[in-house]
Amino acid sequence: MSTETIGVDLPLWAQILVAALVFCGALIALLGSMGLWRLKSYFERVHSPSIIATMGCWFIMHATWIYFSVSGQGFVMHSVLIAIFIAVTVPITTIFLMRAALFRSRRAGESVPPTLSNLVLNEPLNEEESDEAAGDTSDKNDQDDQAFQSGKQADTH
C-alpha cells in the first residue's frame, strides 16, 4: 500500500455538498448527546441516541458516498453497508433494552404502562419473590433441605 496522500480536487458543488452533509451528521449527533444530558428518565433517554445514531450515520454515509464517487474512486459499498447495518441493529437493540427496562420497572412496582402480554406479570414482586431476586434464598434453601430430608426418611421406612 502506498504512503502517498490522495490529493483529489473536488468540484466546488461537491465540496459544499459533502461539507453540508458532514456538518448535518455532526449536528444531529450533538443534538442526540444533548438529549442524553437533558432528559431525566431512562425511558426518555433511550430514544434520543437511537434515532440520532441512525439519522446521523445516513448523513455521513451520503457524504462519503458523494466524495468517493465524485473523486473518481467508484461507488463505495462499505459505507452503504455500515449505514444499513446501523439502521437494522440500532432499533432492534433499542427494543430489547426498552423491554428489559420495562420488565424490571414493573417487577420493582414502578409506575409504567401496563403490559400487553399474558406471559409477563404486571404486578410487583411479593416479599418472597423480592428476596429471591435479591439473592436472599437462605430460608427457601432451608425449607428445601427439610423437605428433602423428610422425603428421604419416608423412602427408607
Protein backbone atom coordinates (compact mmCIF):
# COMPACT_ATOMS: atom_id res chain seq x y z
CA MET A 1 0.00 0.00 0.00
CA SER A 2 1.30 3.40 -0.92
CA THR A 3 2.06 6.05 1.70
CA GLU A 4 1.13 8.87 -0.66
CA THR A 5 -1.78 11.03 0.34
CA ILE A 6 -4.66 11.14 -2.04
CA GLY A 7 -5.00 14.70 -3.21
CA VAL A 8 -8.27 14.97 -5.04
CA ASP A 9 -9.69 18.28 -6.16
CA LEU A 10 -13.43 18.06 -5.96
CA PRO A 11 -15.68 20.49 -7.80
CA LEU A 12 -16.99 23.29 -5.63
CA TRP A 13 -20.55 21.93 -5.64
CA ALA A 14 -19.29 18.54 -4.34
CA GLN A 15 -17.17 20.18 -1.63
CA ILE A 16 -20.14 22.22 -0.42
CA LEU A 17 -22.49 19.23 -0.51
CA VAL A 18 -20.06 16.92 1.32
CA ALA A 19 -19.31 19.61 3.92
CA ALA A 20 -23.03 20.27 4.46
CA LEU A 21 -23.81 16.56 4.87
CA VAL A 22 -20.94 16.02 7.32
CA PHE A 23 -21.98 19.14 9.25
CA CYS A 24 -25.60 17.94 9.43
CA GLY A 25 -24.47 14.50 10.63
CA ALA A 26 -22.27 16.06 13.32
CA LEU A 27 -25.02 18.50 14.36
CA ILE A 28 -27.53 15.68 14.69
CA ALA A 29 -25.05 13.69 16.80
CA LEU A 30 -24.59 16.74 19.03
CA LEU A 31 -28.36 17.10 19.43
CA GLY A 32 -28.59 13.44 20.42
CA SER A 33 -25.89 13.94 23.02
CA MET A 34 -27.74 16.95 24.41
CA GLY A 35 -30.87 14.79 24.63
CA LEU A 36 -28.98 12.32 26.80
CA TRP A 37 -27.81 15.14 29.02
CA ARG A 38 -31.16 16.92 29.30
CA LEU A 39 -33.73 14.14 29.63
CA LYS A 40 -34.27 12.62 33.06
CA SER A 41 -35.53 9.03 32.92
CA TYR A 42 -34.13 6.05 31.06
CA PHE A 43 -37.31 5.73 29.05
CA GLU A 44 -36.95 9.29 27.76
CA ARG A 45 -33.21 9.00 27.18
CA VAL A 46 -33.27 5.85 25.09
CA HIS A 47 -35.00 7.46 22.10
CA SER A 48 -32.51 10.24 21.61
CA PRO A 49 -29.39 8.24 20.73
CA SER A 50 -31.21 5.50 18.85
CA ILE A 51 -32.91 7.81 16.39
CA ILE A 52 -29.98 10.19 16.18
CA ALA A 53 -27.38 7.48 15.58
CA THR A 54 -29.27 6.19 12.57
CA MET A 55 -30.00 9.59 11.04
CA GLY A 56 -26.50 10.97 11.66
CA CYS A 57 -24.99 7.83 10.15
CA TRP A 58 -27.06 8.25 6.99
CA PHE A 59 -25.87 11.85 6.55
CA ILE A 60 -22.22 10.80 6.93
CA MET A 61 -22.76 7.83 4.61
CA HIS A 62 -24.17 10.08 1.90
CA ALA A 63 -21.21 12.45 2.31
CA THR A 64 -18.67 9.62 1.89
CA TRP A 65 -20.66 8.20 -0.99
CA ILE A 66 -20.64 11.53 -2.84
CA TYR A 67 -16.98 12.24 -2.00
CA PHE A 68 -15.62 8.94 -3.30
CA SER A 69 -17.95 8.82 -6.30
CA VAL A 70 -17.04 12.34 -7.48
CA SER A 71 -13.33 11.84 -6.78
CA GLY A 72 -13.28 9.03 -9.33
CA GLN A 73 -12.72 6.14 -6.94
CA GLY A 74 -16.00 4.50 -7.84
CA PHE A 75 -19.04 3.50 -5.85
CA VAL A 76 -18.26 2.96 -2.16
CA MET A 77 -20.21 -0.05 -0.96
CA HIS A 78 -18.68 -0.31 2.52
CA SER A 79 -20.22 2.97 3.73
CA VAL A 80 -23.64 1.87 2.48
CA LEU A 81 -23.27 -1.49 4.24
CA ILE A 82 -22.27 0.21 7.50
CA ALA A 83 -25.30 2.52 7.30
CA ILE A 84 -27.64 -0.40 6.58
CA PHE A 85 -26.13 -2.40 9.46
CA ILE A 86 -26.66 0.51 11.87
CA ALA A 87 -30.18 1.14 10.55
CA VAL A 88 -31.09 -2.50 11.24
CA THR A 89 -29.30 -3.13 14.54
CA VAL A 90 -29.95 0.12 16.44
CA PRO A 91 -33.77 -0.20 16.54
CA ILE A 92 -33.57 -3.89 17.46
CA THR A 93 -31.19 -3.31 20.36
CA THR A 94 -33.28 -0.34 21.50
CA ILE A 95 -36.39 -2.52 21.59
CA PHE A 96 -34.61 -5.20 23.64
CA LEU A 97 -33.22 -2.64 26.08
CA MET A 98 -36.61 -0.96 26.48
CA ARG A 99 -38.38 -4.27 27.08
CA ALA A 100 -35.82 -5.29 29.69
CA ALA A 101 -36.15 -1.93 31.44
CA LEU A 102 -39.96 -2.11 31.38
CA PHE A 103 -39.91 -5.63 32.79
CA ARG A 104 -37.54 -4.60 35.55
CA SER A 105 -39.57 -1.49 36.37
CA ARG A 106 -42.81 -3.46 36.51
CA ARG A 107 -41.27 -6.01 38.84
CA ALA A 108 -39.99 -3.21 41.07
CA GLY A 109 -43.52 -1.75 41.29
CA GLU A 110 -42.78 1.49 39.46
CA SER A 111 -45.46 3.34 37.55
CA VAL A 112 -45.05 2.25 33.93
CA PRO A 113 -47.54 1.45 31.16
CA PRO A 114 -49.30 -1.93 31.54
CA THR A 115 -48.07 -4.97 29.70
CA LEU A 116 -49.82 -6.24 26.60
CA SER A 117 -48.53 -9.76 27.12
CA ASN A 118 -50.20 -12.54 29.07
CA LEU A 119 -46.81 -14.13 29.70
CA VAL A 120 -45.29 -11.33 31.79
CA LEU A 121 -46.70 -10.47 35.20
CA ASN A 122 -47.61 -6.83 35.59
CA GLU A 123 -47.63 -6.69 39.34
CA PRO A 124 -44.70 -6.02 41.64
CA LEU A 125 -42.83 -8.84 43.32
CA ASN A 126 -44.15 -10.09 46.62
CA GLU A 127 -41.80 -10.37 49.60
CA GLU A 128 -40.67 -13.92 48.82
CA GLU A 129 -40.00 -13.16 45.14
CA SER A 130 -38.20 -9.97 46.12
CA ASP A 131 -35.90 -11.92 48.45
CA GLU A 132 -35.20 -14.44 45.70
CA ALA A 133 -34.41 -11.68 43.22
CA ALA A 134 -32.07 -10.08 45.76
CA GLY A 135 -30.27 -13.37 46.28
CA ASP A 136 -31.54 -13.94 49.84
CA THR A 137 -32.77 -17.51 49.42
CA SER A 138 -31.44 -18.97 52.68
CA ASP A 139 -34.96 -19.57 54.11
CA LYS A 140 -36.11 -21.27 50.95
CA ASN A 141 -32.98 -23.40 50.83
CA ASP A 142 -33.58 -24.46 54.44
CA GLN A 143 -37.15 -25.43 53.59
CA ASP A 144 -35.97 -27.36 50.54
CA ASP A 145 -33.38 -29.21 52.64
CA GLN A 146 -36.00 -30.10 55.27
CA ALA A 147 -38.41 -31.34 52.59
CA PHE A 148 -35.64 -33.38 51.01
CA GLN A 149 -34.62 -34.90 54.34
CA SER A 150 -38.22 -35.79 55.25
CA GLY A 151 -38.73 -37.34 51.83
CA LYS A 152 -35.52 -39.30 52.19
CA GLN A 153 -36.61 -40.60 55.62
CA ALA A 154 -40.00 -41.62 54.23
CA ASP A 155 -38.28 -43.63 51.47
CA THR A 156 -36.13 -45.57 53.95
CA HIS A 157 -39.10 -46.75 56.11
